[in-house]
Amino acid sequence: MGYAVGLDIGGSWIRAALGDKEGKILRKSVRRVASGSEDQFISQVIEMVREVCRGDPGEVEGVGVGAAGRLDIRRGSIEFSPHTTLSRIPLKETIEAEFRRPAVVLNDCVAAVMAERMVGAGRGVENLVYIGIGTGIGAGIIVDGRVILGKDGNAHEVGHMIVDLDGRIACSCGGIGHWEAYTSGSGIPKYARYLSGGFAGAGGLIERIRSCGEKVLAKEVFSAAYDGDPFARFVIEEAAEINSKALANVVNLYDPQTVTIGGGLTLKNPSLTVDPIIRKMPPLCFNVPPSVSVTPLGEEAPLLGALLSAFGSVRSRLIPQL
């Protein structure tokens, strides 16, 4: 059996792919997450696996899933997702019962760091961090050649590190002061709203925020920043400070050689997200600063990692504890 199926489950989209151990994708399907019941969501996942297998999973070794949210990797379930209504979804059990193939469920950024290690910028690197900045913020971490998982598979939830001791902004998870609440795709509108209260200016983006509040989207803040809007530039600069300090914390904890950054927000705006981190982070690190770059795998990093995690030989190499 030379093939496997990977699934990347995000807050808005599901991506499924059939591919081989070298990370070559043969067939792919992309759909919006079903907005109905949990049963409809599970049915959608099953349909997408069947679609990329063309109805016949006979040559498939297994199914790997990369999913955002708090997981129980032993059960293979999504326990809680702050950006969807999903909770206690038994993906591993359902997939294995349906296809008679082993399934593994990992965090999407853990899947991404596995892809980076096998086929991306982390080839040959034993200490590696992947950071995803999109709707939320997450990480996948490899130390001394092994993926860090923790007791439930949630050892990498860096987006819920506290970066603001005053807790000025609430996170989608219910906590306060979390990194994700300030500089993710869902957080930047909140942070812009907060900063607008102390900004002495008028016109442009700040007037829209004062009138529309958090209905202004992150992409509008970035667009205004590219156009030179003073308040938008201020928001992006403040976000860059937080990103740099938060990533310095990650570097000081895990001492990586290489950090790659992905996620929709980053991939669409590298000059306003990654470039400032490259400039600002090194002086904040106690440890020797790592190289920092945008992932060369683009938006496919979590999908590729999910696909590769379905191969037993890859799991035994990177996550032997699972």
C-alpha atoms as a PDB file:
ATOM      1  CA  MET A   1       0.000   0.000   0.000  1.00  0.00           C
ATOM      2  CA  GLY A   2       1.760   3.119  -1.205  1.00  0.00           C
ATOM      3  CA  TYR A   3      -0.890   5.761  -0.590  1.00  0.00           C
ATOM      4  CA  ALA A   4      -2.662   7.517   2.251  1.00  0.00           C
ATOM      5  CA  VAL A   5      -5.371  10.111   2.767  1.00  0.00           C
ATOM      6  CA  GLY A   6      -4.831  13.388   4.592  1.00  0.00           C
ATOM      7  CA  LEU A   7      -7.491  15.741   5.946  1.00  0.00           C
ATOM      8  CA  ASP A   8      -6.938  19.347   7.015  1.00  0.00           C
ATOM      9  CA  ILE A   9      -9.917  20.520   9.076  1.00  0.00           C
ATOM     10  CA  GLY A  10     -10.067  24.243   9.714  1.00  0.00           C
ATOM     11  CA  GLY A  11     -12.710  26.621  10.961  1.00  0.00           C
ATOM     12  CA  SER A  12     -14.162  27.296   7.505  1.00  0.00           C
ATOM     13  CA  TRP A  13     -12.731  24.712   5.103  1.00  0.00           C
ATOM     14  CA  ILE A  14     -11.917  21.019   4.899  1.00  0.00           C
ATOM     15  CA  ARG A  15      -9.198  19.849   2.525  1.00  0.00           C
ATOM     16  CA  ALA A  16      -8.747  16.180   1.671  1.00  0.00           C
ATOM     17  CA  ALA A  17      -5.988  14.621  -0.409  1.00  0.00           C
ATOM     18  CA  LEU A  18      -4.758  11.258  -1.611  1.00  0.00           C
ATOM     19  CA  GLY A  19      -0.985  11.075  -1.880  1.00  0.00           C
ATOM     20  CA  ASP A  20       2.202   9.114  -1.410  1.00  0.00           C
ATOM     21  CA  LYS A  21       4.984   8.971   1.183  1.00  0.00           C
ATOM     22  CA  GLU A  22       7.026  11.582  -0.677  1.00  0.00           C
ATOM     23  CA  GLY A  23       4.234  14.108  -0.226  1.00  0.00           C
ATOM     24  CA  LYS A  24       3.049  14.003  -3.824  1.00  0.00           C
ATOM     25  CA  ILE A  25      -0.666  14.800  -3.924  1.00  0.00           C
ATOM     26  CA  LEU A  26      -2.550  12.804  -6.542  1.00  0.00           C
ATOM     27  CA  ARG A  27      -6.106  13.972  -5.911  1.00  0.00           C
ATOM     28  CA  LYS A  28      -7.573  16.711  -3.754  1.00  0.00           C
ATOM     29  CA  SER A  29     -10.973  17.945  -2.629  1.00  0.00           C
ATOM     30  CA  VAL A  30     -11.816  21.226  -0.880  1.00  0.00           C
ATOM     31  CA  ARG A  31     -15.179  22.072   0.660  1.00  0.00           C
ATOM     32  CA  ARG A  32     -16.632  24.513   3.150  1.00  0.00           C
ATOM     33  CA  VAL A  33     -17.244  22.946   6.550  1.00  0.00           C
ATOM     34  CA  ALA A  34     -20.833  21.722   6.798  1.00  0.00           C
ATOM     35  CA  SER A  35     -22.747  24.243   8.880  1.00  0.00           C
ATOM     36  CA  GLY A  36     -25.345  21.792  10.186  1.00  0.00           C
ATOM     37  CA  SER A  37     -25.137  19.116  12.860  1.00  0.00           C
ATOM     38  CA  GLU A  38     -22.126  17.123  13.990  1.00  0.00           C
ATOM     39  CA  ASP A  39     -23.540  14.140  12.100  1.00  0.00           C
ATOM     40  CA  GLN A  40     -23.525  16.217   8.915  1.00  0.00           C
ATOM     41  CA  PHE A  41     -19.921  17.185   9.570  1.00  0.00           C
ATOM     42  CA  ILE A  42     -18.856  13.558  10.033  1.00  0.00           C
ATOM     43  CA  SER A  43     -20.755  12.559   6.898  1.00  0.00           C
ATOM     44  CA  GLN A  44     -18.936  15.281   4.986  1.00  0.00           C
ATOM     45  CA  VAL A  45     -15.556  13.971   6.162  1.00  0.00           C
ATOM     46  CA  ILE A  46     -16.450  10.423   5.081  1.00  0.00           C
ATOM     47  CA  GLU A  47     -17.681  11.656   1.688  1.00  0.00           C
ATOM     48  CA  MET A  48     -14.465  13.576   1.077  1.00  0.00           C
ATOM     49  CA  VAL A  49     -12.292  10.560   1.899  1.00  0.00           C
ATOM     50  CA  ARG A  50     -14.356   8.485  -0.520  1.00  0.00           C
ATOM     51  CA  GLU A  51     -14.090  11.205  -3.153  1.00  0.00           C
ATOM     52  CA  VAL A  52     -10.285  11.362  -3.174  1.00  0.00           C
ATOM     53  CA  CYS A  53     -10.137   7.534  -3.113  1.00  0.00           C
ATOM     54  CA  ARG A  54     -12.683   7.406  -5.953  1.00  0.00           C
ATOM     55  CA  GLY A  55     -14.760   5.102  -3.817  1.00  0.00           C
ATOM     56  CA  ASP A  56     -12.038   2.473  -3.361  1.00  0.00           C
ATOM     57  CA  PRO A  57      -9.663   2.812  -0.369  1.00  0.00           C
ATOM     58  CA  GLY A  58      -8.025  -0.524  -1.172  1.00  0.00           C
ATOM     59  CA  GLU A  59      -4.535   0.930  -1.790  1.00  0.00           C
ATOM     60  CA  VAL A  60      -4.728   3.305   1.183  1.00  0.00           C
ATOM     61  CA  GLU A  61      -2.499   2.566   4.176  1.00  0.00           C
ATOM     62  CA  GLY A  62      -4.298   4.923   6.539  1.00  0.00           C
ATOM     63  CA  VAL A  63      -5.964   8.277   7.108  1.00  0.00           C
ATOM     64  CA  GLY A  64      -4.307  11.218   8.848  1.00  0.00           C
ATOM     65  CA  VAL A  65      -6.197  14.222  10.168  1.00  0.00           C
ATOM     66  CA  GLY A  66      -4.877  17.654  11.103  1.00  0.00           C
ATOM     67  CA  ALA A  67      -7.490  19.621  13.036  1.00  0.00           C
ATOM     68  CA  ALA A  68      -7.517  22.921  14.882  1.00  0.00           C
ATOM     69  CA  GLY A  69      -8.696  22.927  18.470  1.00  0.00           C
ATOM     70  CA  ARG A  70      -8.222  20.987  21.684  1.00  0.00           C
ATOM     71  CA  LEU A  71      -7.864  17.280  20.966  1.00  0.00           C
ATOM     72  CA  ASP A  72      -7.809  13.923  22.689  1.00  0.00           C
ATOM     73  CA  ILE A  73      -5.286  12.121  20.496  1.00  0.00           C
ATOM     74  CA  ARG A  74      -5.767   8.770  22.223  1.00  0.00           C
ATOM     75  CA  ARG A  75      -9.466   8.825  21.355  1.00  0.00           C
ATOM     76  CA  GLY A  76      -8.695  10.647  18.132  1.00  0.00           C
ATOM     77  CA  SER A  77     -11.356  13.260  18.776  1.00  0.00           C
ATOM     78  CA  ILE A  78     -11.804  17.013  18.488  1.00  0.00           C
ATOM     79  CA  GLU A  79     -12.837  17.938  22.024  1.00  0.00           C
ATOM     80  CA  PHE A  80     -13.275  21.693  21.581  1.00  0.00           C
ATOM     81  CA  SER A  81     -12.690  24.208  18.800  1.00  0.00           C
ATOM     82  CA  PRO A  82     -12.916  27.931  19.631  1.00  0.00           C
ATOM     83  CA  HIS A  83     -13.636  28.890  16.009  1.00  0.00           C
ATOM     84  CA  THR A  84     -16.395  26.346  15.275  1.00  0.00           C
ATOM     85  CA  THR A  85     -19.267  24.683  17.123  1.00  0.00           C
ATOM     86  CA  LEU A  86     -17.555  21.281  16.973  1.00  0.00           C
ATOM     87  CA  SER A  87     -16.988  19.361  20.197  1.00  0.00           C
ATOM     88  CA  ARG A  88     -16.301  15.737  21.112  1.00  0.00           C
ATOM     89  CA  ILE A  89     -16.190  14.601  17.481  1.00  0.00           C
ATOM     90  CA  PRO A  90     -14.922  10.960  17.374  1.00  0.00           C
ATOM     91  CA  LEU A  91     -13.049  11.179  14.079  1.00  0.00           C
ATOM     92  CA  LYS A  92     -10.631   8.283  14.588  1.00  0.00           C
ATOM     93  CA  GLU A  93     -13.349   5.842  15.641  1.00  0.00           C
ATOM     94  CA  THR A  94     -15.650   6.873  12.799  1.00  0.00           C
ATOM     95  CA  ILE A  95     -13.003   6.762  10.063  1.00  0.00           C
ATOM     96  CA  GLU A  96     -11.617   3.412  11.200  1.00  0.00           C
ATOM     97  CA  ALA A  97     -15.082   1.862  11.371  1.00  0.00           C
ATOM     98  CA  GLU A  98     -15.980   3.157   7.910  1.00  0.00           C
ATOM     99  CA  PHE A  99     -12.783   2.336   6.007  1.00  0.00           C
ATOM    100  CA  ARG A 100     -11.123  -0.438   8.041  1.00  0.00           C
ATOM    101  CA  ARG A 101      -7.886   1.501   7.976  1.00  0.00           C
ATOM    102  CA  PRO A 102      -5.915   3.040  10.872  1.00  0.00           C
ATOM    103  CA  ALA A 103      -6.509   6.739  11.486  1.00  0.00           C
ATOM    104  CA  VAL A 104      -4.514   9.299  13.433  1.00  0.00           C
ATOM    105  CA  VAL A 105      -5.765  12.719  14.573  1.00  0.00           C
ATOM    106  CA  LEU A 106      -3.273  15.515  15.263  1.00  0.00           C
ATOM    107  CA  ASN A 107      -3.382  19.253  15.679  1.00  0.00           C
ATOM    108  CA  ASP A 108      -3.161  20.974  12.295  1.00  0.00           C
ATOM    109  CA  CYS A 109       0.074  22.782  13.181  1.00  0.00           C
ATOM    110  CA  VAL A 110       1.617  19.556  14.487  1.00  0.00           C
ATOM    111  CA  ALA A 111       0.775  18.036  11.118  1.00  0.00           C
ATOM    112  CA  ALA A 112       2.368  21.060   9.450  1.00  0.00           C
ATOM    113  CA  VAL A 113       5.662  20.742  11.342  1.00  0.00           C
ATOM    114  CA  MET A 114       5.809  17.075  10.326  1.00  0.00           C
ATOM    115  CA  ALA A 115       5.426  18.104   6.689  1.00  0.00           C
ATOM    116  CA  GLU A 116       8.101  20.746   7.150  1.00  0.00           C
ATOM    117  CA  ARG A 117      10.460  18.154   8.633  1.00  0.00           C
ATOM    118  CA  MET A 118       9.867  15.572   5.889  1.00  0.00           C
ATOM    119  CA  VAL A 119       9.452  17.610   2.700  1.00  0.00           C
ATOM    120  CA  GLY A 120       9.857  21.301   3.578  1.00  0.00           C
ATOM    121  CA  ALA A 121      12.354  23.726   5.074  1.00  0.00           C
ATOM    122  CA  GLY A 122      13.051  21.429   8.027  1.00  0.00           C
ATOM    123  CA  ARG A 123      14.617  18.525   6.159  1.00  0.00           C
ATOM    124  CA  GLY A 124      17.665  17.467   8.148  1.00  0.00           C
ATOM    125  CA  VAL A 125      16.711  19.767  11.051  1.00  0.00           C
ATOM    126  CA  GLU A 126      16.280  18.084  14.452  1.00  0.00           C
ATOM    127  CA  ASN A 127      14.867  21.100  16.326  1.00  0.00           C
ATOM    128  CA  LEU A 128      12.115  22.851  14.440  1.00  0.00           C
ATOM    129  CA  VAL A 129       9.065  25.026  15.110  1.00  0.00           C
ATOM    130  CA  TYR A 130       6.151  25.751  12.782  1.00  0.00           C
ATOM    131  CA  ILE A 131       3.872  28.656  13.703  1.00  0.00           C
ATOM    132  CA  GLY A 132       0.496  29.061  12.024  1.00  0.00           C
ATOM    133  CA  ILE A 133      -1.073  32.525  12.100  1.00  0.00           C
ATOM    134  CA  GLY A 134      -4.492  32.425  10.512  1.00  0.00           C
ATOM    135  CA  THR A 135      -7.959  32.571  12.040  1.00  0.00           C
ATOM    136  CA  GLY A 136      -6.182  31.444  15.211  1.00  0.00           C
ATOM    137  CA  ILE A 137      -2.554  30.895  16.201  1.00  0.00           C
ATOM    138  CA  GLY A 138      -0.964  27.511  16.794  1.00  0.00           C
ATOM    139  CA  ALA A 139       2.349  25.693  16.679  1.00  0.00           C
ATOM    140  CA  GLY A 140       3.960  22.383  15.925  1.00  0.00           C
ATOM    141  CA  ILE A 141       7.241  21.647  17.672  1.00  0.00           C
ATOM    142  CA  ILE A 142       9.974  19.072  17.053  1.00  0.00           C
ATOM    143  CA  VAL A 143      12.711  18.698  19.676  1.00  0.00           C
ATOM    144  CA  ASP A 144      15.647  16.354  19.081  1.00  0.00           C
ATOM    145  CA  GLY A 145      13.868  14.784  16.131  1.00  0.00           C
ATOM    146  CA  ARG A 146      10.574  14.013  17.876  1.00  0.00           C
ATOM    147  CA  VAL A 147       7.259  15.828  17.818  1.00  0.00           C
ATOM    148  CA  ILE A 148       6.173  17.162  21.205  1.00  0.00           C
ATOM    149  CA  LEU A 149       2.607  16.057  21.973  1.00  0.00           C
ATOM    150  CA  GLY A 150       1.844  16.211  25.707  1.00  0.00           C
ATOM    151  CA  LYS A 151      -0.645  14.032  27.578  1.00  0.00           C
ATOM    152  CA  ASP A 152      -3.599  14.787  25.269  1.00  0.00           C
ATOM    153  CA  GLY A 153      -1.767  16.022  22.173  1.00  0.00           C
ATOM    154  CA  ASN A 154      -2.116  19.711  23.016  1.00  0.00           C
ATOM    155  CA  ALA A 155       1.422  20.664  24.077  1.00  0.00           C
ATOM    156  CA  HIS A 156       1.716  23.233  21.297  1.00  0.00           C
ATOM    157  CA  GLU A 157      -1.136  25.671  22.022  1.00  0.00           C
ATOM    158  CA  VAL A 158       1.059  28.759  21.894  1.00  0.00           C
ATOM    159  CA  GLY A 159      -1.822  30.922  20.687  1.00  0.00           C
ATOM    160  CA  HIS A 160      -3.234  30.678  24.199  1.00  0.00           C
ATOM    161  CA  MET A 161      -0.066  31.895  25.901  1.00  0.00           C
ATOM    162  CA  ILE A 162      -0.792  35.053  27.856  1.00  0.00           C
ATOM    163  CA  VAL A 163       0.909  38.025  26.203  1.00  0.00           C
ATOM    164  CA  ASP A 164      -1.019  40.738  28.056  1.00  0.00           C
ATOM    165  CA  LEU A 165      -0.991  40.464  31.852  1.00  0.00           C
ATOM    166  CA  ASP A 166      -3.717  43.106  32.043  1.00  0.00           C
ATOM    167  CA  GLY A 167      -6.026  40.878  29.999  1.00  0.00           C
ATOM    168  CA  ARG A 168      -7.450  43.706  27.934  1.00  0.00           C
ATOM    169  CA  ILE A 169      -8.925  41.523  25.177  1.00  0.00           C
ATOM    170  CA  ALA A 170     -10.942  38.298  25.423  1.00  0.00           C
ATOM    171  CA  CYS A 171      -9.946  35.288  23.343  1.00  0.00           C
ATOM    172  CA  SER A 172     -12.426  33.176  21.372  1.00  0.00           C
ATOM    173  CA  CYS A 173     -11.665  30.301  23.758  1.00  0.00           C
ATOM    174  CA  GLY A 174     -13.015  32.283  26.722  1.00  0.00           C
ATOM    175  CA  GLY A 175      -9.624  33.239  28.182  1.00  0.00           C
ATOM    176  CA  ILE A 176      -8.165  36.735  28.324  1.00  0.00           C
ATOM    177  CA  GLY A 177      -4.877  38.233  27.191  1.00  0.00           C
ATOM    178  CA  HIS A 178      -3.998  35.371  24.829  1.00  0.00           C
ATOM    179  CA  TRP A 179      -1.670  35.873  21.851  1.00  0.00           C
ATOM    180  CA  GLU A 180      -4.404  34.708  19.461  1.00  0.00           C
ATOM    181  CA  ALA A 181      -6.779  37.393  20.753  1.00  0.00           C
ATOM    182  CA  TYR A 182      -4.466  40.157  19.525  1.00  0.00           C
ATOM    183  CA  THR A 183      -2.764  39.243  16.255  1.00  0.00           C
ATOM    184  CA  SER A 184      -4.651  36.377  14.583  1.00  0.00           C
ATOM    185  CA  GLY A 185      -7.172  36.872  11.816  1.00  0.00           C
ATOM    186  CA  SER A 186      -9.962  36.787  14.380  1.00  0.00           C
ATOM    187  CA  GLY A 187      -7.992  38.890  16.872  1.00  0.00           C
ATOM    188  CA  ILE A 188      -6.695  41.838  14.853  1.00  0.00           C
ATOM    189  CA  PRO A 189     -10.153  43.460  14.494  1.00  0.00           C
ATOM    190  CA  LYS A 190     -10.537  43.287  18.300  1.00  0.00           C
ATOM    191  CA  TYR A 191      -7.071  44.700  18.844  1.00  0.00           C
ATOM    192  CA  ALA A 192      -7.681  47.480  16.324  1.00  0.00           C
ATOM    193  CA  ARG A 193     -10.911  48.347  18.102  1.00  0.00           C
ATOM    194  CA  TYR A 194      -9.060  48.525  21.410  1.00  0.00           C
ATOM    195  CA  LEU A 195      -6.232  50.658  20.007  1.00  0.00           C
ATOM    196  CA  SER A 196      -8.646  53.060  18.323  1.00  0.00           C
ATOM    197  CA  GLY A 197      -9.623  54.424  21.731  1.00  0.00           C
ATOM    198  CA  GLY A 198      -6.197  55.947  22.301  1.00  0.00           C
ATOM    199  CA  PHE A 199      -5.293  56.979  18.758  1.00  0.00           C
ATOM    200  CA  ALA A 200      -5.412  60.705  18.034  1.00  0.00           C
ATOM    201  CA  GLY A 201      -6.484  60.699  14.434  1.00  0.00           C
ATOM    202  CA  ALA A 202      -9.459  60.759  12.142  1.00  0.00           C
ATOM    203  CA  GLY A 203     -10.526  59.525   8.745  1.00  0.00           C
ATOM    204  CA  GLY A 204      -9.818  56.290   6.954  1.00  0.00           C
ATOM    205  CA  LEU A 205      -9.766  53.008   8.849  1.00  0.00           C
ATOM    206  CA  ILE A 206     -10.139  54.462  12.320  1.00  0.00           C
ATOM    207  CA  GLU A 207     -13.458  56.080  11.407  1.00  0.00           C
ATOM    208  CA  ARG A 208     -14.713  52.770  10.015  1.00  0.00           C
ATOM    209  CA  ILE A 209     -13.713  50.953  13.190  1.00  0.00           C
ATOM    210  CA  ARG A 210     -15.305  53.552  15.417  1.00  0.00           C
ATOM    211  CA  SER A 211     -18.529  53.220  13.453  1.00  0.00           C
ATOM    212  CA  CYS A 212     -18.465  49.488  12.639  1.00  0.00           C
ATOM    213  CA  GLY A 213     -16.388  48.068  15.493  1.00  0.00           C
ATOM    214  CA  GLU A 214     -15.205  44.495  15.069  1.00  0.00           C
ATOM    215  CA  LYS A 215     -17.200  44.061  11.856  1.00  0.00           C
ATOM    216  CA  VAL A 216     -14.064  45.350  10.131  1.00  0.00           C
ATOM    217  CA  LEU A 217     -12.073  42.317   8.962  1.00  0.00           C
ATOM    218  CA  ALA A 218      -8.356  41.653   9.398  1.00  0.00           C
ATOM    219  CA  LYS A 219      -7.877  41.780   5.624  1.00  0.00           C
ATOM    220  CA  GLU A 220      -9.272  45.325   5.622  1.00  0.00           C
ATOM    221  CA  VAL A 221      -6.746  46.380   8.257  1.00  0.00           C
ATOM    222  CA  PHE A 222      -3.906  44.950   6.158  1.00  0.00           C
ATOM    223  CA  SER A 223      -5.261  46.491   2.970  1.00  0.00           C
ATOM    224  CA  ALA A 224      -5.413  49.898   4.629  1.00  0.00           C
ATOM    225  CA  ALA A 225      -1.862  49.430   5.940  1.00  0.00           C
ATOM    226  CA  TYR A 226      -0.594  48.717   2.423  1.00  0.00           C
ATOM    227  CA  ASP A 227      -2.323  51.929   1.314  1.00  0.00           C
ATOM    228  CA  GLY A 228      -0.473  53.900   3.987  1.00  0.00           C
ATOM    229  CA  ASP A 229      -3.359  54.491   6.403  1.00  0.00           C
ATOM    230  CA  PRO A 230      -1.696  55.823   9.606  1.00  0.00           C
ATOM    231  CA  PHE A 231      -3.916  53.970  12.050  1.00  0.00           C
ATOM    232  CA  ALA A 232      -3.699  50.690  10.126  1.00  0.00           C
ATOM    233  CA  ARG A 233       0.099  50.978  10.084  1.00  0.00           C
ATOM    234  CA  PHE A 234       0.035  51.594  13.830  1.00  0.00           C
ATOM    235  CA  VAL A 235      -2.094  48.484  14.441  1.00  0.00           C
ATOM    236  CA  ILE A 236       0.198  46.319  12.308  1.00  0.00           C
ATOM    237  CA  GLU A 237       3.302  47.660  14.087  1.00  0.00           C
ATOM    238  CA  GLU A 238       1.786  46.929  17.496  1.00  0.00           C
ATOM    239  CA  ALA A 239       0.796  43.442  16.337  1.00  0.00           C
ATOM    240  CA  ALA A 240       4.366  42.864  15.123  1.00  0.00           C
ATOM    241  CA  GLU A 241       5.677  43.730  18.588  1.00  0.00           C
ATOM    242  CA  ILE A 242       3.409  41.127  20.162  1.00  0.00           C
ATOM    243  CA  ASN A 243       4.260  38.496  17.555  1.00  0.00           C
ATOM    244  CA  SER A 244       7.986  39.059  18.068  1.00  0.00           C
ATOM    245  CA  LYS A 245       7.789  38.836  21.859  1.00  0.00           C
ATOM    246  CA  ALA A 246       5.554  35.774  21.773  1.00  0.00           C
ATOM    247  CA  LEU A 247       7.788  33.978  19.293  1.00  0.00           C
ATOM    248  CA  ALA A 248      10.850  34.878  21.379  1.00  0.00           C
ATOM    249  CA  ASN A 249       9.145  33.071  24.264  1.00  0.00           C
ATOM    250  CA  VAL A 250       8.700  29.999  22.059  1.00  0.00           C
ATOM    251  CA  VAL A 251      12.365  30.159  21.019  1.00  0.00           C
ATOM    252  CA  ASN A 252      13.491  30.436  24.638  1.00  0.00           C
ATOM    253  CA  LEU A 253      11.363  27.423  25.584  1.00  0.00           C
ATOM    254  CA  TYR A 254      12.294  25.046  22.755  1.00  0.00           C
ATOM    255  CA  ASP A 255      15.631  26.282  21.349  1.00  0.00           C
ATOM    256  CA  PRO A 256      14.878  25.538  17.658  1.00  0.00           C
ATOM    257  CA  GLN A 257      17.324  25.797  14.782  1.00  0.00           C
ATOM    258  CA  THR A 258      14.593  26.806  12.359  1.00  0.00           C
ATOM    259  CA  VAL A 259      11.182  28.473  12.619  1.00  0.00           C
ATOM    260  CA  THR A 260       8.782  28.488   9.697  1.00  0.00           C
ATOM    261  CA  ILE A 261       5.592  30.515   9.714  1.00  0.00           C
ATOM    262  CA  GLY A 262       2.426  29.750   7.785  1.00  0.00           C
ATOM    263  CA  GLY A 263      -1.306  30.246   8.084  1.00  0.00           C
ATOM    264  CA  GLY A 264      -3.569  32.323   5.883  1.00  0.00           C
ATOM    265  CA  LEU A 265      -2.815  35.682   7.487  1.00  0.00           C
ATOM    266  CA  THR A 266       0.930  35.173   7.143  1.00  0.00           C
ATOM    267  CA  LEU A 267       0.877  33.763   3.639  1.00  0.00           C
ATOM    268  CA  LYS A 268      -1.171  36.693   2.341  1.00  0.00           C
ATOM    269  CA  ASN A 269       0.872  39.342   4.182  1.00  0.00           C
ATOM    270  CA  PRO A 270       4.466  38.165   4.709  1.00  0.00           C
ATOM    271  CA  SER A 271       5.977  41.653   4.477  1.00  0.00           C
ATOM    272  CA  LEU A 272       3.772  42.879   7.332  1.00  0.00           C
ATOM    273  CA  THR A 273       3.939  39.749   9.496  1.00  0.00           C
ATOM    274  CA  VAL A 274       7.111  37.699   9.040  1.00  0.00           C
ATOM    275  CA  ASP A 275       9.527  40.442   7.967  1.00  0.00           C
ATOM    276  CA  PRO A 276       8.962  42.450  11.191  1.00  0.00           C
ATOM    277  CA  ILE A 277       9.497  39.294  13.277  1.00  0.00           C
ATOM    278  CA  ILE A 278      12.811  38.656  11.517  1.00  0.00           C
ATOM    279  CA  ARG A 279      13.899  42.203  12.434  1.00  0.00           C
ATOM    280  CA  LYS A 280      12.480  42.477  15.938  1.00  0.00           C
ATOM    281  CA  MET A 281      12.731  39.012  17.504  1.00  0.00           C
ATOM    282  CA  PRO A 282      16.509  38.287  17.732  1.00  0.00           C
ATOM    283  CA  PRO A 283      17.317  40.865  20.470  1.00  0.00           C
ATOM    284  CA  LEU A 284      14.431  39.464  22.547  1.00  0.00           C
ATOM    285  CA  CYS A 285      15.809  35.913  22.597  1.00  0.00           C
ATOM    286  CA  PHE A 286      17.929  34.513  25.409  1.00  0.00           C
ATOM    287  CA  ASN A 287      18.796  31.505  23.254  1.00  0.00           C
ATOM    288  CA  VAL A 288      20.704  31.826  19.983  1.00  0.00           C
ATOM    289  CA  PRO A 289      18.051  33.066  17.523  1.00  0.00           C
ATOM    290  CA  PRO A 290      16.937  30.560  14.876  1.00  0.00           C
ATOM    291  CA  SER A 291      16.417  31.209  11.204  1.00  0.00           C
ATOM    292  CA  VAL A 292      12.867  32.442  10.542  1.00  0.00           C
ATOM    293  CA  SER A 293      11.068  32.210   7.205  1.00  0.00           C
ATOM    294  CA  VAL A 294       7.703  31.766   5.552  1.00  0.00           C
ATOM    295  CA  THR A 295       6.942  28.081   5.020  1.00  0.00           C
ATOM    296  CA  PRO A 296       7.772  26.978   1.466  1.00  0.00           C
ATOM    297  CA  LEU A 297       4.817  24.571   1.643  1.00  0.00           C
ATOM    298  CA  GLY A 298       2.223  27.352   1.622  1.00  0.00           C
ATOM    299  CA  GLU A 299      -1.320  26.547   2.671  1.00  0.00           C
ATOM    300  CA  GLU A 300      -0.715  22.848   1.987  1.00  0.00           C
ATOM    301  CA  ALA A 301       1.552  22.361   5.029  1.00  0.00           C
ATOM    302  CA  PRO A 302      -1.131  20.977   7.406  1.00  0.00           C
ATOM    303  CA  LEU A 303      -2.678  18.845   4.649  1.00  0.00           C
ATOM    304  CA  LEU A 304       0.679  17.369   3.642  1.00  0.00           C
ATOM    305  CA  GLY A 305       1.535  16.643   7.261  1.00  0.00           C
ATOM    306  CA  ALA A 306      -1.802  14.949   7.851  1.00  0.00           C
ATOM    307  CA  LEU A 307      -1.212  12.833   4.762  1.00  0.00           C
ATOM    308  CA  LEU A 308       2.314  11.865   5.831  1.00  0.00           C
ATOM    309  CA  SER A 309       1.201  11.077   9.396  1.00  0.00           C
ATOM    310  CA  ALA A 310      -0.991   8.285   8.021  1.00  0.00           C
ATOM    311  CA  PHE A 311       2.116   6.284   7.084  1.00  0.00           C
ATOM    312  CA  GLY A 312       3.300   4.084   9.927  1.00  0.00           C
ATOM    313  CA  SER A 313       6.961   4.563   9.016  1.00  0.00           C
ATOM    314  CA  VAL A 314       6.625   8.350   9.339  1.00  0.00           C
ATOM    315  CA  ARG A 315       4.829   8.079  12.685  1.00  0.00           C
ATOM    316  CA  SER A 316       7.429   5.684  14.083  1.00  0.00           C
ATOM    317  CA  ARG A 317      10.145   8.166  13.144  1.00  0.00           C
ATOM    318  CA  LEU A 318       8.605  11.426  14.363  1.00  0.00           C
ATOM    319  CA  ILE A 319       5.924  10.431  16.884  1.00  0.00           C
ATOM    320  CA  PRO A 320       6.914   7.000  18.259  1.00  0.00           C
ATOM    321  CA  GLN A 321       5.034   7.795  21.473  1.00  0.00           C
ATOM    322  CA  LEU A 322       1.692   7.747  19.633  1.00  0.00           C
END
